[in-house]
Amino acid sequence: MAGMNRFYDELLDRFMIMAVNVINLEKRLCKTYAGRHIYNQLFRAVTSVGANYEEARAGESRADFVHKMQIVLKELRETQFWLKLIKTAKLTLPDNENLTDLLRETNELTGITAKSVVTAKSNNPTDITKKIR
């Protein structure tokens, strides 16, 4: 179990770093109306990822964990959308390495989170009893 706790802590750290990296985009994005609007949407989505993940870790049941992890997944997908929009609209420098790294990290975290949701759902004891019957 200690290994899993370390994995969960490292995942939380990655969510935190991702949010900090988005915070650092503010200066480059908030110079126009469109940039401010998109940044605000991105900021809300990315900062809720880690908070909802922490709530999921303290879930009262497997169903509660799954529900909160699905919220994390939704917020990650929204984060992906805003980052792709920033890149497509060229709201930062086209070769902005930070944006490319953020997109890559968001894609990885989305995959990890989606797999966690699938695994948690497949480990649901009520699903197992349905399969036995």
C-alpha atoms as a PDB file:
ATOM      1  CA  MET A   1       0.000   0.000   0.000  1.00  0.00           C
ATOM      2  CA  ALA A   2       2.940   2.339   0.611  1.00  0.00           C
ATOM      3  CA  GLY A   3       3.845   2.121  -3.078  1.00  0.00           C
ATOM      4  CA  MET A   4       0.317   3.131  -4.071  1.00  0.00           C
ATOM      5  CA  ASN A   5       0.362   6.056  -1.655  1.00  0.00           C
ATOM      6  CA  ARG A   6       3.583   7.261  -3.243  1.00  0.00           C
ATOM      7  CA  PHE A   7       1.954   6.951  -6.687  1.00  0.00           C
ATOM      8  CA  TYR A   8      -1.055   8.978  -5.510  1.00  0.00           C
ATOM      9  CA  ASP A   9       1.205  11.613  -3.946  1.00  0.00           C
ATOM     10  CA  GLU A  10       3.254  11.871  -7.151  1.00  0.00           C
ATOM     11  CA  LEU A  11       0.060  12.224  -9.175  1.00  0.00           C
ATOM     12  CA  LEU A  12      -1.089  15.032  -6.887  1.00  0.00           C
ATOM     13  CA  ASP A  13       2.306  16.702  -7.344  1.00  0.00           C
ATOM     14  CA  ARG A  14       1.883  16.507 -11.123  1.00  0.00           C
ATOM     15  CA  PHE A  15      -1.573  18.100 -10.871  1.00  0.00           C
ATOM     16  CA  MET A  16      -0.096  20.843  -8.701  1.00  0.00           C
ATOM     17  CA  ILE A  17       2.816  21.527 -11.076  1.00  0.00           C
ATOM     18  CA  MET A  18       0.411  21.618 -14.020  1.00  0.00           C
ATOM     19  CA  ALA A  19      -1.690  24.254 -12.234  1.00  0.00           C
ATOM     20  CA  VAL A  20       1.399  26.314 -11.382  1.00  0.00           C
ATOM     21  CA  ASN A  21       2.512  26.189 -15.021  1.00  0.00           C
ATOM     22  CA  VAL A  22      -0.900  27.471 -16.108  1.00  0.00           C
ATOM     23  CA  ILE A  23      -0.694  30.246 -13.514  1.00  0.00           C
ATOM     24  CA  ASN A  24       2.603  31.242 -15.132  1.00  0.00           C
ATOM     25  CA  LEU A  25       0.817  31.665 -18.501  1.00  0.00           C
ATOM     26  CA  GLU A  26      -1.277  34.517 -17.131  1.00  0.00           C
ATOM     27  CA  LYS A  27       1.131  37.300 -18.059  1.00  0.00           C
ATOM     28  CA  ARG A  28       1.236  36.176 -21.678  1.00  0.00           C
ATOM     29  CA  LEU A  29      -2.479  35.542 -22.090  1.00  0.00           C
ATOM     30  CA  CYS A  30      -4.223  38.374 -20.300  1.00  0.00           C
ATOM     31  CA  LYS A  31      -3.229  41.159 -22.682  1.00  0.00           C
ATOM     32  CA  THR A  32      -6.380  40.844 -24.805  1.00  0.00           C
ATOM     33  CA  TYR A  33     -10.051  40.279 -24.075  1.00  0.00           C
ATOM     34  CA  ALA A  34      -9.960  36.818 -25.685  1.00  0.00           C
ATOM     35  CA  GLY A  35      -6.790  35.912 -23.808  1.00  0.00           C
ATOM     36  CA  ARG A  36      -8.274  36.984 -20.465  1.00  0.00           C
ATOM     37  CA  HIS A  37     -11.476  35.031 -21.084  1.00  0.00           C
ATOM     38  CA  ILE A  38      -9.686  31.871 -22.154  1.00  0.00           C
ATOM     39  CA  TYR A  39      -7.178  32.139 -19.310  1.00  0.00           C
ATOM     40  CA  ASN A  40      -9.983  32.488 -16.750  1.00  0.00           C
ATOM     41  CA  GLN A  41     -11.691  29.357 -18.092  1.00  0.00           C
ATOM     42  CA  LEU A  42      -8.399  27.450 -18.178  1.00  0.00           C
ATOM     43  CA  PHE A  43      -7.489  28.631 -14.676  1.00  0.00           C
ATOM     44  CA  ARG A  44     -10.806  27.418 -13.232  1.00  0.00           C
ATOM     45  CA  ALA A  45     -10.498  24.018 -14.893  1.00  0.00           C
ATOM     46  CA  VAL A  46      -6.853  23.310 -14.073  1.00  0.00           C
ATOM     47  CA  THR A  47      -7.042  24.437 -10.453  1.00  0.00           C
ATOM     48  CA  SER A  48     -10.088  22.266  -9.806  1.00  0.00           C
ATOM     49  CA  VAL A  49      -8.253  19.141 -11.005  1.00  0.00           C
ATOM     50  CA  GLY A  50      -6.013  18.827  -7.945  1.00  0.00           C
ATOM     51  CA  ALA A  51      -8.739  19.862  -5.512  1.00  0.00           C
ATOM     52  CA  ASN A  52     -11.148  17.266  -6.878  1.00  0.00           C
ATOM     53  CA  TYR A  53      -8.396  14.665  -6.883  1.00  0.00           C
ATOM     54  CA  GLU A  54      -7.808  15.289  -3.184  1.00  0.00           C
ATOM     55  CA  GLU A  55     -11.543  14.883  -2.587  1.00  0.00           C
ATOM     56  CA  ALA A  56     -11.491  11.610  -4.530  1.00  0.00           C
ATOM     57  CA  ARG A  57      -8.636  10.304  -2.391  1.00  0.00           C
ATOM     58  CA  ALA A  58     -10.803  10.906   0.666  1.00  0.00           C
ATOM     59  CA  GLY A  59     -13.869   9.342  -0.957  1.00  0.00           C
ATOM     60  CA  GLU A  60     -16.404   7.842   1.413  1.00  0.00           C
ATOM     61  CA  SER A  61     -16.965   4.838  -0.850  1.00  0.00           C
ATOM     62  CA  ARG A  62     -15.790   3.369  -4.119  1.00  0.00           C
ATOM     63  CA  ALA A  63     -18.764   5.012  -5.846  1.00  0.00           C
ATOM     64  CA  ASP A  64     -17.795   8.377  -4.336  1.00  0.00           C
ATOM     65  CA  PHE A  65     -14.189   7.868  -5.469  1.00  0.00           C
ATOM     66  CA  VAL A  66     -15.295   7.014  -9.006  1.00  0.00           C
ATOM     67  CA  HIS A  67     -17.651   9.985  -9.166  1.00  0.00           C
ATOM     68  CA  LYS A  68     -14.973  12.438  -8.048  1.00  0.00           C
ATOM     69  CA  MET A  69     -12.368  10.924 -10.363  1.00  0.00           C
ATOM     70  CA  GLN A  70     -14.816  11.386 -13.232  1.00  0.00           C
ATOM     71  CA  ILE A  71     -14.971  15.077 -12.282  1.00  0.00           C
ATOM     72  CA  VAL A  72     -11.152  15.174 -12.351  1.00  0.00           C
ATOM     73  CA  LEU A  73     -11.288  13.625 -15.817  1.00  0.00           C
ATOM     74  CA  LYS A  74     -13.850  16.169 -17.031  1.00  0.00           C
ATOM     75  CA  GLU A  75     -11.732  19.057 -15.740  1.00  0.00           C
ATOM     76  CA  LEU A  76      -8.617  17.608 -17.385  1.00  0.00           C
ATOM     77  CA  ARG A  77     -10.448  17.366 -20.697  1.00  0.00           C
ATOM     78  CA  GLU A  78     -11.617  20.948 -20.344  1.00  0.00           C
ATOM     79  CA  THR A  79      -8.029  21.961 -19.588  1.00  0.00           C
ATOM     80  CA  GLN A  80      -6.927  20.169 -22.760  1.00  0.00           C
ATOM     81  CA  PHE A  81      -9.514  22.059 -24.784  1.00  0.00           C
ATOM     82  CA  TRP A  82      -8.397  25.488 -23.544  1.00  0.00           C
ATOM     83  CA  LEU A  83      -4.710  24.670 -24.045  1.00  0.00           C
ATOM     84  CA  LYS A  84      -5.394  23.474 -27.601  1.00  0.00           C
ATOM     85  CA  LEU A  85      -7.397  26.635 -28.274  1.00  0.00           C
ATOM     86  CA  ILE A  86      -4.526  28.793 -27.019  1.00  0.00           C
ATOM     87  CA  LYS A  87      -2.142  26.923 -29.309  1.00  0.00           C
ATOM     88  CA  THR A  88      -4.474  26.998 -32.329  1.00  0.00           C
ATOM     89  CA  ALA A  89      -5.300  30.697 -31.897  1.00  0.00           C
ATOM     90  CA  LYS A  90      -1.586  31.413 -31.340  1.00  0.00           C
ATOM     91  CA  LEU A  91      -2.293  33.413 -28.192  1.00  0.00           C
ATOM     92  CA  THR A  92       1.248  32.738 -26.981  1.00  0.00           C
ATOM     93  CA  LEU A  93       4.413  32.393 -28.995  1.00  0.00           C
ATOM     94  CA  PRO A  94       4.000  29.570 -31.550  1.00  0.00           C
ATOM     95  CA  ASP A  95       7.122  27.790 -30.304  1.00  0.00           C
ATOM     96  CA  ASN A  96       6.159  28.202 -26.666  1.00  0.00           C
ATOM     97  CA  GLU A  97       7.842  25.176 -25.104  1.00  0.00           C
ATOM     98  CA  ASN A  98       5.837  25.568 -21.886  1.00  0.00           C
ATOM     99  CA  LEU A  99       2.553  25.247 -23.773  1.00  0.00           C
ATOM    100  CA  THR A 100       3.750  22.134 -25.614  1.00  0.00           C
ATOM    101  CA  ASP A 101       4.911  20.599 -22.326  1.00  0.00           C
ATOM    102  CA  LEU A 102       1.588  21.487 -20.675  1.00  0.00           C
ATOM    103  CA  LEU A 103      -0.366  19.828 -23.460  1.00  0.00           C
ATOM    104  CA  ARG A 104       1.792  16.702 -23.242  1.00  0.00           C
ATOM    105  CA  GLU A 105       1.429  16.532 -19.458  1.00  0.00           C
ATOM    106  CA  THR A 106      -2.320  17.102 -19.638  1.00  0.00           C
ATOM    107  CA  ASN A 107      -2.641  14.282 -22.180  1.00  0.00           C
ATOM    108  CA  GLU A 108      -0.648  11.922 -19.947  1.00  0.00           C
ATOM    109  CA  LEU A 109      -2.634  12.836 -16.842  1.00  0.00           C
ATOM    110  CA  THR A 110      -5.903  12.413 -18.729  1.00  0.00           C
ATOM    111  CA  GLY A 111      -4.842   8.900 -19.742  1.00  0.00           C
ATOM    112  CA  ILE A 112      -3.790   7.982 -16.200  1.00  0.00           C
ATOM    113  CA  THR A 113      -7.020   9.348 -14.745  1.00  0.00           C
ATOM    114  CA  ALA A 114      -9.203   7.618 -17.340  1.00  0.00           C
ATOM    115  CA  LYS A 115      -7.455   4.320 -16.576  1.00  0.00           C
ATOM    116  CA  SER A 116      -7.994   4.868 -12.840  1.00  0.00           C
ATOM    117  CA  VAL A 117     -11.716   5.402 -13.407  1.00  0.00           C
ATOM    118  CA  VAL A 118     -11.979   2.256 -15.547  1.00  0.00           C
ATOM    119  CA  THR A 119     -10.030   0.219 -12.987  1.00  0.00           C
ATOM    120  CA  ALA A 120     -12.078   1.513 -10.049  1.00  0.00           C
ATOM    121  CA  LYS A 121     -15.302   0.745 -11.890  1.00  0.00           C
ATOM    122  CA  SER A 122     -14.146  -2.753 -12.829  1.00  0.00           C
ATOM    123  CA  ASN A 123     -13.192  -3.469  -9.209  1.00  0.00           C
ATOM    124  CA  ASN A 124     -16.693  -2.614  -8.028  1.00  0.00           C
ATOM    125  CA  PRO A 125     -17.989  -5.541  -5.926  1.00  0.00           C
ATOM    126  CA  THR A 126     -21.557  -5.033  -7.171  1.00  0.00           C
ATOM    127  CA  ASP A 127     -20.338  -5.499 -10.734  1.00  0.00           C
ATOM    128  CA  ILE A 128     -18.656  -8.758  -9.738  1.00  0.00           C
ATOM    129  CA  THR A 129     -21.852 -10.158  -8.225  1.00  0.00           C
ATOM    130  CA  LYS A 130     -23.740  -9.243 -11.407  1.00  0.00           C
ATOM    131  CA  LYS A 131     -21.182 -11.187 -13.453  1.00  0.00           C
ATOM    132  CA  ILE A 132     -21.482 -14.244 -11.176  1.00  0.00           C
ATOM    133  CA  ARG A 133     -25.272 -14.414 -11.513  1.00  0.00           C
END
